[in-house]
Amino acid sequence: MNVLTILTLLGSLALLMFGMKKLSEGLQKMAGPWLRSLLQTMTSNRVMGAFTGMFVTASIQSSTATTLMTVSFVNAGLLTLAQAISIILGAHVGTTFTAWLMSIGFVFDVTIYAYAAAFVGIILSYLQRFKNFGEFLFGLSFLFLGIITLERADLALELDKNPAVMDFFHTFEAQNPFAILLFLIIGTVLTLCVQSSAAITAITMTLCSTGVLPIELGIILVLGENIGTTITSIIAARTANVNARRAAFSHLLINVVGVVWVVCLLHPFFTMVCSLVGCDADALMTDTAYAMTHASIVLAAFHTAFNVANTLLMIGFVPLIEKLVCRVVQPKPEAEDEESRLAFITAGLLHTPELSILNAKKEIEVFGQRCQTMFGFVQEMLHTEKSEDFGRLFSRVEKYEGITDNMEVEIANYLNQVSERHLSIESKAEIQRMLRMVSELESIGDACYNLARSMSRKRQHTKEDFTEKQQEHIGSMMSLCEDALEQMNHVIKYGEQRYVDLNKSYNLEHEINNYRTQLKNQNILDINNHLYDYQMGVYYMDIIAECEKLGDYVVNVIESTGIKEKRANGF
């Protein structure tokens, strides 16, 4: 064993993981718009939820990303716990495609195809129209090159000729409970350290294909990898709400229960899998040459059969799993301040940039709704007579103003982090629009706070109330603003769908502008006619003018969605 061989082994792992990353990113960019649309229409039906998880994971080649996205959506209340469990079950099936992809590199000599894919991929990556497909091919080629180099490096190590290594592995028997537990722990720990079950699966396939590791122990390692891949979501959910923590725990529970039952039925289950792929189970365990030839196919088939069987078994017990995790994972004793918490991006960036964008988009929807809630407090202040109630409402507006400031900063920082990753041109443009949107939403929060301060100043400096006409005019103006905010949130939520009518928003802005001009002229006449004094007119027009500014900010938010441009181009 020399240094060059060790470096080659480490480099092949790096190639494998880099190829997996580029392949996943290429798939994400190609499927990005479709993926986000699919995730927004998740159903409460547990079977369809499982299919959703399966297709999303197969499309992006990352069960971790799908699980983190699911935990994030549960944290925000977009998904119920039962829906999340169904999606996680489906993700377990979707992730099995990776093992089959890697097994090709062990069964066939794909060296020439890998180099050809790299050549074509690098050319296509420079062509705007085929850039994403080129990145996919480039990642696929590096994946296969990593597998080929890993296998050759393992052969160069000649571990199968090292008596100490061979004796170590062959001292363990798959029927021995201690050996099973040990290799489950090894698979779990390795996956947790590398943060890539695909890389550990490739190593397992390599060791089994070169005769170093008995295939029955390789199967135990694969089962341990299934447990190790659940730890990431548990770590991500630590700061989330109780339902998100329950979703993450259900991920661990499903895999642990699955591993327990399959270990209890290991020999008959292994025999069944071998018969499905046309292999002799007894020969695999007794004939080293036969096992080396068929190891990768059997491991991929076992991985798929285990996850499919576990999903079919567990999907009927989703309500029971839900009850169990609710009993185990209890709410934190301290009360959580839901108003000041971010709903979707508390778990940080997802492994999948397209899903990170979707998370930010959902967070912006919450931002818009909080702005509307804040304006509702302002409207309530207008008709509040008791000083104590007025002070309580003003404090809430102040609190929400701080919340909107924090949301702008945190969402903008999150989007900036996403923009530093590999994204399609469409996704980069969308991030720019979203950055402008959060800035304008924060301005709406400022406008609401300015309205509250104007009312507070008027209350502090004069005991007089607005005249009945002034109250009526302010109420009408605020009603127009309320309609504008309602329509704005409708556009933010359904902006990518054709039935959104922007004319309603622009008409409301024109109404607000015209009404402001009308009231401004009327205010001068009323002061001259001594209907109220000049200072009362100043307080009155401050409120009207701030409402008009709020209407402008609402239109800016709508324009920042880019819907006009999409329709102009026929999309």
Protein backbone atom coordinates (compact mmCIF):
# COMPACT_ATOMS: atom_id res chain seq x y z
CA MET A 1 0.00 0.00 0.00
CA ASN A 2 1.71 3.20 -1.16
CA VAL A 3 0.87 6.90 -0.90
CA LEU A 4 0.01 7.22 -4.60
CA THR A 5 -2.62 4.50 -4.33
CA ILE A 6 -4.15 6.11 -1.24
CA LEU A 7 -4.30 9.49 -3.02
CA THR A 8 -5.87 7.80 -6.05
CA LEU A 9 -8.51 6.23 -3.79
CA LEU A 10 -9.34 9.59 -2.16
CA GLY A 11 -9.35 11.34 -5.53
CA SER A 12 -11.75 8.77 -6.97
CA LEU A 13 -14.13 9.40 -4.08
CA ALA A 14 -13.89 13.14 -4.79
CA LEU A 15 -14.62 12.48 -8.48
CA LEU A 16 -17.62 10.35 -7.54
CA MET A 17 -19.08 12.94 -5.15
CA PHE A 18 -18.39 15.82 -7.55
CA GLY A 19 -20.02 13.91 -10.40
CA MET A 20 -23.06 13.16 -8.24
CA LYS A 21 -23.30 16.85 -7.32
CA LYS A 22 -23.04 18.09 -10.93
CA LEU A 23 -25.47 15.45 -12.16
CA SER A 24 -27.98 16.46 -9.48
CA GLU A 25 -27.56 20.18 -10.24
CA GLY A 26 -28.07 19.60 -13.97
CA LEU A 27 -31.25 17.64 -13.31
CA GLN A 28 -32.49 20.33 -10.92
CA LYS A 29 -31.99 23.10 -13.47
CA MET A 30 -33.74 21.14 -16.20
CA ALA A 31 -36.64 20.21 -13.91
CA GLY A 32 -36.68 23.41 -11.83
CA PRO A 33 -39.97 25.05 -12.94
CA TRP A 34 -41.75 21.68 -13.13
CA LEU A 35 -40.33 20.69 -9.75
CA ARG A 36 -41.53 23.85 -8.00
CA SER A 37 -44.97 23.48 -9.60
CA LEU A 38 -45.20 19.87 -8.41
CA LEU A 39 -44.22 20.74 -4.86
CA GLN A 40 -46.85 23.47 -4.72
CA THR A 41 -49.64 21.02 -5.58
CA MET A 42 -48.87 18.28 -3.07
CA THR A 43 -51.94 16.30 -2.15
CA SER A 44 -53.21 15.08 1.20
CA ASN A 45 -53.65 11.57 -0.25
CA ARG A 46 -50.89 9.44 1.29
CA VAL A 47 -50.36 7.36 -1.87
CA MET A 48 -50.03 10.42 -4.09
CA GLY A 49 -47.79 11.98 -1.45
CA ALA A 50 -45.51 8.95 -1.66
CA PHE A 51 -45.43 9.19 -5.47
CA THR A 52 -44.60 12.88 -5.15
CA GLY A 53 -41.65 12.11 -2.87
CA MET A 54 -40.48 9.34 -5.19
CA PHE A 55 -40.59 11.42 -8.39
CA VAL A 56 -39.01 14.49 -6.80
CA THR A 57 -36.15 12.43 -5.34
CA ALA A 58 -35.59 10.55 -8.60
CA SER A 59 -35.58 13.88 -10.45
CA ILE A 60 -33.04 15.62 -8.24
CA GLN A 61 -31.08 12.54 -7.12
CA SER A 62 -31.07 13.61 -3.46
CA SER A 63 -33.33 12.06 -0.84
CA THR A 64 -31.69 14.36 1.72
CA ALA A 65 -32.83 17.44 -0.20
CA THR A 66 -36.39 16.09 -0.48
CA THR A 67 -36.50 15.29 3.24
CA LEU A 68 -35.10 18.68 4.25
CA MET A 69 -37.64 20.39 2.00
CA THR A 70 -40.42 18.35 3.58
CA VAL A 71 -39.28 19.20 7.12
CA SER A 72 -39.12 22.86 6.14
CA PHE A 73 -42.67 22.81 4.74
CA VAL A 74 -44.00 21.12 7.87
CA ASN A 75 -42.24 23.79 9.91
CA ALA A 76 -44.16 26.44 7.98
CA GLY A 77 -47.51 24.66 8.14
CA LEU A 78 -47.68 24.03 4.37
CA LEU A 79 -47.72 20.27 4.92
CA THR A 80 -49.34 18.22 7.64
CA LEU A 81 -47.28 15.64 9.49
CA ALA A 82 -49.16 12.82 7.75
CA GLN A 83 -48.39 14.31 4.32
CA ALA A 84 -44.73 14.66 5.26
CA ILE A 85 -44.49 11.02 6.32
CA SER A 86 -45.96 9.92 2.98
CA ILE A 87 -43.50 12.05 1.02
CA ILE A 88 -40.54 10.74 3.06
CA LEU A 89 -41.67 7.16 2.33
CA GLY A 90 -41.71 7.96 -1.39
CA ALA A 91 -38.28 9.59 -1.19
CA HIS A 92 -36.86 6.29 0.07
CA VAL A 93 -37.96 4.62 -3.17
CA GLY A 94 -36.77 7.48 -5.39
CA THR A 95 -33.25 7.38 -3.98
CA THR A 96 -32.73 3.75 -5.08
CA PHE A 97 -32.20 4.89 -8.68
CA THR A 98 -28.73 6.12 -7.68
CA ALA A 99 -27.55 2.64 -6.70
CA TRP A 100 -28.67 1.23 -10.06
CA LEU A 101 -26.86 4.04 -11.86
CA MET A 102 -23.63 3.24 -10.04
CA SER A 103 -23.98 -0.52 -10.54
CA ILE A 104 -23.68 0.04 -14.31
CA GLY A 105 -20.10 1.20 -13.80
CA PHE A 106 -19.25 -2.01 -11.95
CA VAL A 107 -20.93 -4.42 -14.37
CA PHE A 108 -19.83 -2.90 -17.69
CA ASP A 109 -16.67 -1.16 -18.84
CA VAL A 110 -18.09 2.31 -19.42
CA THR A 111 -14.74 4.11 -19.65
CA ILE A 112 -15.12 5.10 -23.30
CA TYR A 113 -18.73 6.21 -22.72
CA ALA A 114 -17.70 8.25 -19.68
CA TYR A 115 -15.05 10.12 -21.65
CA ALA A 116 -17.47 10.62 -24.54
CA ALA A 117 -20.13 11.99 -22.17
CA ALA A 118 -17.54 14.36 -20.67
CA PHE A 119 -16.56 15.58 -24.14
CA VAL A 120 -20.14 16.13 -25.29
CA GLY A 121 -21.13 17.61 -21.92
CA ILE A 122 -18.37 20.23 -21.93
CA ILE A 123 -19.35 21.32 -25.46
CA LEU A 124 -23.06 21.54 -24.63
CA SER A 125 -22.34 23.49 -21.44
CA TYR A 126 -21.12 26.37 -23.63
CA LEU A 127 -24.36 26.39 -25.65
CA GLN A 128 -27.03 28.42 -23.89
CA ARG A 129 -29.90 26.23 -25.06
CA PHE A 130 -28.33 22.93 -23.94
CA LYS A 131 -26.26 24.18 -21.00
CA ASN A 132 -28.23 22.31 -18.33
CA PHE A 133 -28.21 19.04 -20.27
CA GLY A 134 -24.47 19.48 -20.81
CA GLU A 135 -23.98 19.87 -17.05
CA PHE A 136 -26.00 16.68 -16.50
CA LEU A 137 -23.82 14.73 -18.96
CA PHE A 138 -20.67 16.20 -17.43
CA GLY A 139 -21.77 15.09 -13.95
CA LEU A 140 -22.74 11.63 -15.23
CA SER A 141 -19.29 11.19 -16.80
CA PHE A 142 -17.52 12.18 -13.58
CA LEU A 143 -19.75 9.80 -11.64
CA PHE A 144 -18.70 6.87 -13.83
CA LEU A 145 -15.06 7.97 -13.91
CA GLY A 146 -15.11 8.11 -10.11
CA ILE A 147 -16.53 4.58 -9.93
CA ILE A 148 -13.98 3.24 -12.45
CA THR A 149 -11.05 4.90 -10.66
CA LEU A 150 -12.35 3.74 -7.27
CA GLU A 151 -12.52 0.15 -8.45
CA ARG A 152 -9.02 0.32 -9.98
CA ALA A 153 -7.58 1.96 -6.85
CA ASP A 154 -9.14 -0.76 -4.73
CA LEU A 155 -7.62 -3.43 -6.96
CA ALA A 156 -4.24 -1.66 -6.72
CA LEU A 157 -4.45 -1.81 -2.94
CA GLU A 158 -4.76 -5.60 -3.26
CA LEU A 159 -6.79 -5.80 -0.10
CA ASP A 160 -8.03 -9.21 -1.18
CA LYS A 161 -4.42 -10.42 -0.88
CA ASN A 162 -3.90 -8.83 2.53
CA PRO A 163 -4.37 -11.59 5.13
CA ALA A 164 -5.06 -9.13 7.97
CA VAL A 165 -7.86 -7.37 6.08
CA MET A 166 -9.39 -10.60 4.81
CA ASP A 167 -9.22 -12.22 8.23
CA PHE A 168 -10.87 -9.17 9.80
CA PHE A 169 -13.89 -9.25 7.50
CA HIS A 170 -14.21 -13.02 7.42
CA THR A 171 -14.22 -13.29 11.20
CA PHE A 172 -17.71 -11.80 11.12
CA GLU A 173 -20.77 -13.78 10.14
CA ALA A 174 -23.99 -12.12 8.98
CA GLN A 175 -25.96 -14.34 11.36
CA ASN A 176 -24.02 -13.03 14.35
CA PRO A 177 -26.02 -10.27 16.14
CA PHE A 178 -22.80 -8.53 17.18
CA ALA A 179 -21.55 -8.43 13.59
CA ILE A 180 -24.89 -7.09 12.36
CA LEU A 181 -24.91 -4.34 14.99
CA LEU A 182 -21.27 -3.43 14.31
CA PHE A 183 -21.69 -3.07 10.54
CA LEU A 184 -24.97 -1.18 10.96
CA ILE A 185 -23.08 1.31 13.16
CA ILE A 186 -20.19 1.50 10.67
CA GLY A 187 -22.58 2.21 7.77
CA THR A 188 -24.45 4.82 9.82
CA VAL A 189 -21.31 6.61 11.03
CA LEU A 190 -19.61 6.63 7.61
CA THR A 191 -22.72 8.07 5.94
CA LEU A 192 -23.06 10.69 8.65
CA CYS A 193 -19.39 11.72 8.29
CA VAL A 194 -19.33 11.84 4.47
CA GLN A 195 -22.89 13.23 4.20
CA SER A 196 -23.38 11.12 1.09
CA SER A 197 -24.98 7.69 1.17
CA ALA A 198 -24.14 7.38 -2.55
CA ALA A 199 -20.40 7.60 -1.83
CA ILE A 200 -20.58 4.94 0.90
CA THR A 201 -22.73 2.73 -1.35
CA ALA A 202 -20.05 3.02 -4.06
CA ILE A 203 -17.35 2.01 -1.55
CA THR A 204 -19.47 -0.94 -0.43
CA MET A 205 -20.00 -2.06 -4.03
CA THR A 206 -16.26 -1.75 -4.67
CA LEU A 207 -15.28 -3.83 -1.64
CA CYS A 208 -17.82 -6.52 -2.51
CA SER A 209 -16.91 -6.54 -6.22
CA THR A 210 -13.23 -7.09 -5.42
CA GLY A 211 -13.94 -9.90 -2.99
CA VAL A 212 -12.69 -8.03 0.08
CA LEU A 213 -16.05 -7.72 1.81
CA PRO A 214 -18.53 -10.63 1.92
CA ILE A 215 -21.75 -9.61 0.25
CA GLU A 216 -23.89 -10.39 3.31
CA LEU A 217 -21.86 -7.84 5.31
CA GLY A 218 -22.12 -5.40 2.42
CA ILE A 219 -25.88 -5.66 2.70
CA ILE A 220 -25.69 -4.82 6.40
CA LEU A 221 -23.58 -1.75 5.52
CA VAL A 222 -26.25 -0.65 3.01
CA LEU A 223 -28.88 -0.93 5.74
CA GLY A 224 -26.69 1.19 8.04
CA GLU A 225 -26.38 3.81 5.28
CA ASN A 226 -30.18 4.08 5.24
CA ILE A 227 -30.11 5.01 8.92
CA GLY A 228 -27.17 7.41 8.54
CA THR A 229 -28.90 9.45 5.86
CA THR A 230 -31.71 10.34 8.30
CA ILE A 231 -29.45 12.23 10.71
CA THR A 232 -29.13 15.32 8.48
CA SER A 233 -32.85 16.10 8.67
CA ILE A 234 -32.84 15.65 12.46
CA ILE A 235 -29.97 18.14 12.79
CA ALA A 236 -31.75 20.61 10.48
CA ALA A 237 -34.99 20.36 12.49
CA ARG A 238 -33.42 21.15 15.86
CA THR A 239 -34.39 24.84 15.67
CA ALA A 240 -37.73 24.22 13.96
CA ASN A 241 -41.17 23.86 15.50
CA VAL A 242 -42.52 20.69 17.06
CA ASN A 243 -44.17 19.34 13.87
CA ALA A 244 -40.95 19.72 11.88
CA ARG A 245 -39.05 17.85 14.60
CA ARG A 246 -41.70 15.14 14.48
CA ALA A 247 -41.34 14.85 10.68
CA ALA A 248 -37.57 14.47 11.02
CA PHE A 249 -37.98 11.87 13.76
CA SER A 250 -40.48 9.94 11.64
CA HIS A 251 -37.78 9.70 8.95
CA LEU A 252 -35.45 8.02 11.45
CA LEU A 253 -38.22 5.84 12.88
CA ILE A 254 -39.29 4.54 9.46
CA ASN A 255 -35.76 3.52 8.53
CA VAL A 256 -34.92 1.99 11.91
CA VAL A 257 -38.13 -0.08 11.95
CA GLY A 258 -37.45 -1.11 8.36
CA VAL A 259 -33.92 -2.21 9.20
CA VAL A 260 -35.14 -4.18 12.23
CA TRP A 261 -37.72 -6.22 10.34
CA VAL A 262 -35.48 -6.88 7.34
CA VAL A 263 -32.63 -8.02 9.64
CA CYS A 264 -35.05 -10.46 11.29
CA LEU A 265 -35.93 -11.84 7.84
CA LEU A 266 -32.50 -11.29 6.32
CA HIS A 267 -31.84 -14.71 4.80
CA PRO A 268 -35.28 -15.27 3.17
CA PHE A 269 -35.42 -11.65 2.02
CA PHE A 270 -31.91 -11.88 0.56
CA THR A 271 -32.84 -15.14 -1.21
CA MET A 272 -35.96 -13.52 -2.68
CA VAL A 273 -33.95 -10.53 -3.99
CA CYS A 274 -31.38 -12.87 -5.56
CA SER A 275 -34.12 -14.82 -7.32
CA LEU A 276 -35.56 -11.57 -8.69
CA VAL A 277 -32.27 -10.70 -10.41
CA GLY A 278 -31.50 -14.30 -11.42
CA CYS A 279 -28.65 -14.97 -8.97
CA ASP A 280 -27.93 -17.96 -6.75
CA ALA A 281 -27.99 -16.84 -3.11
CA ASP A 282 -25.93 -19.78 -1.87
CA ALA A 283 -23.27 -19.24 -4.54
CA LEU A 284 -23.03 -15.57 -3.61
CA MET A 285 -22.09 -16.50 -0.05
CA THR A 286 -19.78 -19.44 -0.85
CA ASP A 287 -18.23 -18.70 -4.24
CA THR A 288 -16.04 -15.56 -4.09
CA ALA A 289 -15.61 -15.28 -7.87
CA TYR A 290 -19.36 -15.55 -8.44
CA ALA A 291 -20.03 -12.97 -5.72
CA MET A 292 -17.52 -10.52 -7.22
CA THR A 293 -19.28 -10.70 -10.61
CA HIS A 294 -22.80 -10.15 -9.30
CA ALA A 295 -22.22 -8.07 -6.14
CA SER A 296 -23.12 -4.62 -7.48
CA ILE A 297 -26.38 -5.80 -9.10
CA VAL A 298 -27.44 -7.69 -5.98
CA LEU A 299 -26.65 -4.73 -3.70
CA ALA A 300 -28.62 -2.34 -5.93
CA ALA A 301 -31.52 -4.80 -6.10
CA PHE A 302 -31.46 -5.33 -2.32
CA HIS A 303 -31.43 -1.56 -1.73
CA THR A 304 -34.44 -1.13 -4.03
CA ALA A 305 -36.36 -4.14 -2.70
CA PHE A 306 -35.82 -3.07 0.91
CA ASN A 307 -37.03 0.51 0.34
CA VAL A 308 -40.00 -0.51 -1.82
CA ALA A 309 -41.09 -3.21 0.65
CA ASN A 310 -40.63 -0.89 3.63
CA THR A 311 -42.64 1.85 1.91
CA LEU A 312 -45.49 -0.51 1.00
CA LEU A 313 -45.50 -1.84 4.55
CA MET A 314 -45.36 1.53 6.28
CA ILE A 315 -47.77 3.50 4.10
CA GLY A 316 -50.72 1.70 5.66
CA PHE A 317 -49.55 2.73 9.12
CA VAL A 318 -49.06 6.46 8.48
CA PRO A 319 -51.73 7.47 11.06
CA LEU A 320 -50.12 5.17 13.65
CA ILE A 321 -46.64 6.56 12.91
CA GLU A 322 -48.07 10.07 13.26
CA LYS A 323 -49.52 9.27 16.69
CA LEU A 324 -46.31 7.62 17.83
CA VAL A 325 -44.00 10.50 16.86
CA CYS A 326 -46.44 12.99 18.42
CA ARG A 327 -46.21 11.07 21.67
CA VAL A 328 -42.40 10.77 21.58
CA VAL A 329 -41.56 14.31 20.39
CA GLN A 330 -43.26 16.74 22.77
CA PRO A 331 -43.43 20.55 22.37
CA LYS A 332 -40.72 22.56 24.07
CA PRO A 333 -41.83 23.84 27.48
CA GLU A 334 -41.16 27.45 26.56
CA ALA A 335 -43.76 29.13 24.38
CA GLU A 336 -42.56 29.84 20.86
CA ASP A 337 -43.16 33.29 19.44
CA GLU A 338 -44.66 32.30 16.11
CA GLU A 339 -45.05 35.88 14.94
CA SER A 340 -41.35 36.67 14.99
CA ARG A 341 -40.17 33.36 13.54
CA LEU A 342 -39.34 32.76 9.91
CA ALA A 343 -41.58 30.03 8.64
CA PHE A 344 -39.68 28.39 5.79
CA ILE A 345 -35.96 29.14 5.80
CA THR A 346 -35.02 28.45 9.43
CA ALA A 347 -33.36 25.17 8.44
CA GLY A 348 -30.90 26.96 6.15
CA LEU A 349 -30.08 26.25 2.51
CA LEU A 350 -31.37 23.01 1.10
CA HIS A 351 -29.05 20.74 -0.88
CA THR A 352 -31.22 21.58 -3.88
CA PRO A 353 -31.06 25.24 -5.02
CA GLU A 354 -34.42 25.06 -6.81
CA LEU A 355 -36.09 23.98 -3.57
CA SER A 356 -34.27 26.73 -1.69
CA ILE A 357 -35.85 29.24 -4.10
CA LEU A 358 -39.26 27.70 -3.46
CA ASN A 359 -38.69 28.02 0.29
CA ALA A 360 -37.82 31.71 -0.12
CA LYS A 361 -40.89 32.25 -2.30
CA LYS A 362 -43.11 30.77 0.39
CA GLU A 363 -41.39 32.96 2.98
CA ILE A 364 -42.20 36.01 0.86
CA GLU A 365 -45.85 34.94 0.83
CA VAL A 366 -45.75 34.95 4.65
CA PHE A 367 -44.04 38.37 4.53
CA GLY A 368 -46.89 39.80 2.45
CA GLN A 369 -49.52 38.34 4.76
CA ARG A 370 -47.78 39.84 7.81
CA CYS A 371 -47.77 43.25 6.13
CA GLN A 372 -51.52 42.93 5.64
CA THR A 373 -51.97 41.88 9.27
CA MET A 374 -49.92 44.90 10.35
CA PHE A 375 -52.16 47.21 8.29
CA GLY A 376 -55.18 45.62 9.98
CA PHE A 377 -53.82 46.80 13.35
CA VAL A 378 -53.49 50.32 11.92
CA GLN A 379 -57.12 50.29 10.78
CA GLU A 380 -58.19 49.13 14.20
CA MET A 381 -56.25 52.00 15.82
CA LEU A 382 -58.32 54.52 13.88
CA HIS A 383 -61.49 53.46 15.67
CA THR A 384 -60.02 52.79 19.12
CA GLU A 385 -61.08 55.24 21.83
CA LYS A 386 -59.50 53.83 25.00
CA SER A 387 -55.89 54.88 25.51
CA GLU A 388 -54.95 51.46 26.90
CA ASP A 389 -56.28 49.62 23.83
CA PHE A 390 -54.68 52.20 21.52
CA GLY A 391 -51.30 51.74 23.23
CA ARG A 392 -51.59 47.96 22.93
CA LEU A 393 -52.27 48.18 19.19
CA PHE A 394 -49.43 50.68 18.69
CA SER A 395 -47.04 48.30 20.46
CA ARG A 396 -48.10 45.51 18.12
CA VAL A 397 -47.47 47.70 15.08
CA GLU A 398 -44.03 48.58 16.49
CA LYS A 399 -43.30 44.90 16.99
CA TYR A 400 -44.38 44.04 13.46
CA GLU A 401 -42.22 46.84 12.08
CA GLY A 402 -39.21 45.14 13.68
CA ILE A 403 -40.38 41.80 12.29
CA THR A 404 -40.61 43.18 8.74
CA ASP A 405 -37.11 44.68 9.04
CA ASN A 406 -35.69 41.34 10.19
CA MET A 407 -37.56 39.40 7.50
CA GLU A 408 -36.15 41.64 4.77
CA VAL A 409 -32.57 41.13 5.99
CA GLU A 410 -32.85 37.39 6.57
CA ILE A 411 -34.68 36.60 3.32
CA ALA A 412 -32.25 38.80 1.34
CA ASN A 413 -29.25 37.09 2.96
CA TYR A 414 -30.79 33.70 2.22
CA LEU A 415 -31.38 34.62 -1.44
CA ASN A 416 -27.84 35.95 -1.76
CA GLN A 417 -26.51 32.61 -0.47
CA VAL A 418 -28.71 30.74 -2.97
CA SER A 419 -27.49 32.98 -5.81
CA GLU A 420 -23.90 31.94 -5.11
CA ARG A 421 -24.76 28.37 -6.05
CA HIS A 422 -25.14 26.89 -9.53
CA LEU A 423 -28.49 28.08 -10.91
CA SER A 424 -30.21 28.34 -14.26
CA ILE A 425 -30.49 31.79 -15.85
CA GLU A 426 -34.24 31.80 -15.13
CA SER A 427 -33.62 31.08 -11.44
CA LYS A 428 -31.01 33.83 -11.17
CA ALA A 429 -33.46 36.33 -12.68
CA GLU A 430 -36.14 35.15 -10.28
CA ILE A 431 -33.84 35.74 -7.30
CA GLN A 432 -33.27 39.34 -8.47
CA ARG A 433 -37.03 39.88 -8.65
CA MET A 434 -37.49 38.37 -5.19
CA LEU A 435 -34.81 40.63 -3.71
CA ARG A 436 -36.64 43.67 -5.02
CA MET A 437 -39.91 42.26 -3.72
CA VAL A 438 -38.70 41.90 -0.11
CA SER A 439 -37.35 45.46 -0.21
CA GLU A 440 -40.74 46.81 -1.28
CA LEU A 441 -42.56 44.68 1.30
CA GLU A 442 -40.36 46.15 4.01
CA SER A 443 -41.35 49.62 2.74
CA ILE A 444 -45.00 48.64 3.21
CA GLY A 445 -44.15 47.76 6.81
CA ASP A 446 -42.52 51.19 7.23
CA ALA A 447 -45.62 52.87 5.77
CA CYS A 448 -47.86 51.04 8.25
CA TYR A 449 -45.60 52.14 11.10
CA ASN A 450 -45.64 55.75 9.85
CA LEU A 451 -49.45 55.66 9.79
CA ALA A 452 -49.50 54.43 13.39
CA ARG A 453 -47.05 57.14 14.46
CA SER A 454 -49.14 59.84 12.79
CA MET A 455 -52.19 58.67 14.72
CA SER A 456 -50.15 58.52 17.94
CA ARG A 457 -48.77 62.06 17.47
CA LYS A 458 -52.24 63.42 16.84
CA ARG A 459 -53.54 61.68 19.97
CA GLN A 460 -50.66 63.04 22.09
CA HIS A 461 -50.90 66.66 20.95
CA THR A 462 -54.63 67.21 20.73
CA LYS A 463 -57.73 65.91 22.44
CA GLU A 464 -59.84 66.65 19.40
CA ASP A 465 -61.06 63.91 17.15
CA PHE A 466 -61.22 63.97 13.39
CA THR A 467 -64.50 65.23 12.05
CA GLU A 468 -67.07 62.72 10.90
CA LYS A 469 -66.19 63.47 7.26
CA GLN A 470 -62.46 63.08 7.92
CA GLN A 471 -63.08 59.74 9.64
CA GLU A 472 -65.16 58.63 6.67
CA HIS A 473 -62.51 59.72 4.15
CA ILE A 474 -59.66 58.03 6.04
CA GLY A 475 -61.76 54.86 6.35
CA SER A 476 -62.44 54.85 2.61
CA MET A 477 -58.77 55.38 1.78
CA MET A 478 -57.73 52.57 4.12
CA SER A 479 -60.35 50.31 2.59
CA LEU A 480 -58.79 50.88 -0.83
CA CYS A 481 -55.35 50.09 0.63
CA GLU A 482 -56.72 46.94 2.24
CA ASP A 483 -58.09 45.81 -1.15
CA ALA A 484 -54.72 46.58 -2.74
CA LEU A 485 -52.87 44.49 -0.14
CA GLU A 486 -55.34 41.65 -0.57
CA GLN A 487 -54.80 41.67 -4.34
CA MET A 488 -51.02 41.96 -3.88
CA ASN A 489 -50.93 38.80 -1.74
CA HIS A 490 -53.09 37.04 -4.33
CA VAL A 491 -50.56 37.95 -7.04
CA ILE A 492 -47.59 36.85 -4.90
CA LYS A 493 -49.21 33.48 -4.26
CA TYR A 494 -50.62 32.77 -7.73
CA GLY A 495 -48.38 35.00 -9.84
CA GLU A 496 -47.19 32.20 -12.12
CA GLN A 497 -50.72 31.22 -13.09
CA ARG A 498 -52.52 32.79 -16.03
CA TYR A 499 -55.75 33.78 -14.28
CA VAL A 500 -54.08 36.50 -12.16
CA ASP A 501 -55.50 39.85 -13.31
CA LEU A 502 -53.05 42.71 -12.80
CA ASN A 503 -55.53 45.33 -14.02
CA LYS A 504 -57.31 45.18 -10.67
CA SER A 505 -54.11 46.20 -8.86
CA TYR A 506 -53.37 49.06 -11.24
CA ASN A 507 -56.97 50.30 -11.07
CA LEU A 508 -56.79 50.33 -7.27
CA GLU A 509 -53.58 52.37 -7.41
CA HIS A 510 -55.24 54.91 -9.72
CA GLU A 511 -58.22 55.12 -7.37
CA ILE A 512 -55.91 55.72 -4.40
CA ASN A 513 -53.96 58.42 -6.26
CA ASN A 514 -57.08 60.20 -7.48
CA TYR A 515 -58.72 60.00 -4.07
CA ARG A 516 -55.59 61.45 -2.44
CA THR A 517 -55.63 64.40 -4.88
CA GLN A 518 -59.34 64.96 -4.29
CA LEU A 519 -58.94 64.90 -0.50
CA LYS A 520 -55.91 67.19 -0.64
CA ASN A 521 -57.88 69.85 -2.52
CA GLN A 522 -60.88 69.40 -0.26
CA ASN A 523 -58.68 69.71 2.83
CA ILE A 524 -57.57 73.23 1.80
CA LEU A 525 -61.19 74.31 1.30
CA ASP A 526 -62.28 72.83 4.65
CA ILE A 527 -59.47 74.65 6.53
CA ASN A 528 -60.40 77.94 4.81
CA ASN A 529 -64.03 77.36 5.78
CA HIS A 530 -62.92 76.77 9.41
CA LEU A 531 -64.36 73.27 9.58
CA TYR A 532 -61.20 72.30 11.52
CA ASP A 533 -57.91 73.99 12.29
CA TYR A 534 -54.72 73.84 10.23
CA GLN A 535 -52.88 71.38 12.54
CA MET A 536 -55.76 68.93 12.42
CA GLY A 537 -55.60 69.19 8.62
CA VAL A 538 -51.86 68.34 8.77
CA TYR A 539 -52.51 65.19 10.81
CA TYR A 540 -55.30 64.27 8.44
CA MET A 541 -53.22 64.70 5.27
CA ASP A 542 -50.23 62.89 6.79
CA ILE A 543 -52.40 59.79 7.08
CA ILE A 544 -53.85 60.20 3.58
CA ALA A 545 -50.40 60.78 2.01
CA GLU A 546 -48.93 57.74 3.77
CA CYS A 547 -51.78 55.58 2.50
CA GLU A 548 -50.98 56.78 -1.02
CA LYS A 549 -47.31 55.82 -0.54
CA LEU A 550 -48.40 52.39 0.67
CA GLY A 551 -50.40 51.98 -2.55
CA ASP A 552 -47.27 52.82 -4.58
CA TYR A 553 -45.23 50.20 -2.67
CA VAL A 554 -47.93 47.61 -3.35
CA VAL A 555 -47.68 48.24 -7.10
CA ASN A 556 -43.88 48.04 -6.88
CA VAL A 557 -44.21 44.60 -5.28
CA ILE A 558 -46.53 43.46 -8.07
CA GLU A 559 -44.22 44.79 -10.78
CA SER A 560 -41.24 43.02 -9.17
CA THR A 561 -42.94 39.64 -9.70
CA GLY A 562 -42.10 39.97 -13.42
CA ILE A 563 -45.57 38.80 -14.49
CA LYS A 564 -45.86 41.58 -17.09
CA GLU A 565 -42.68 40.43 -18.79
CA LYS A 566 -43.79 36.80 -18.78
CA ARG A 567 -47.08 37.61 -20.46
CA ALA A 568 -45.46 39.93 -22.97
CA ASN A 569 -43.28 37.01 -24.08
CA GLY A 570 -46.22 34.65 -24.22
CA PHE A 571 -45.27 32.50 -21.23
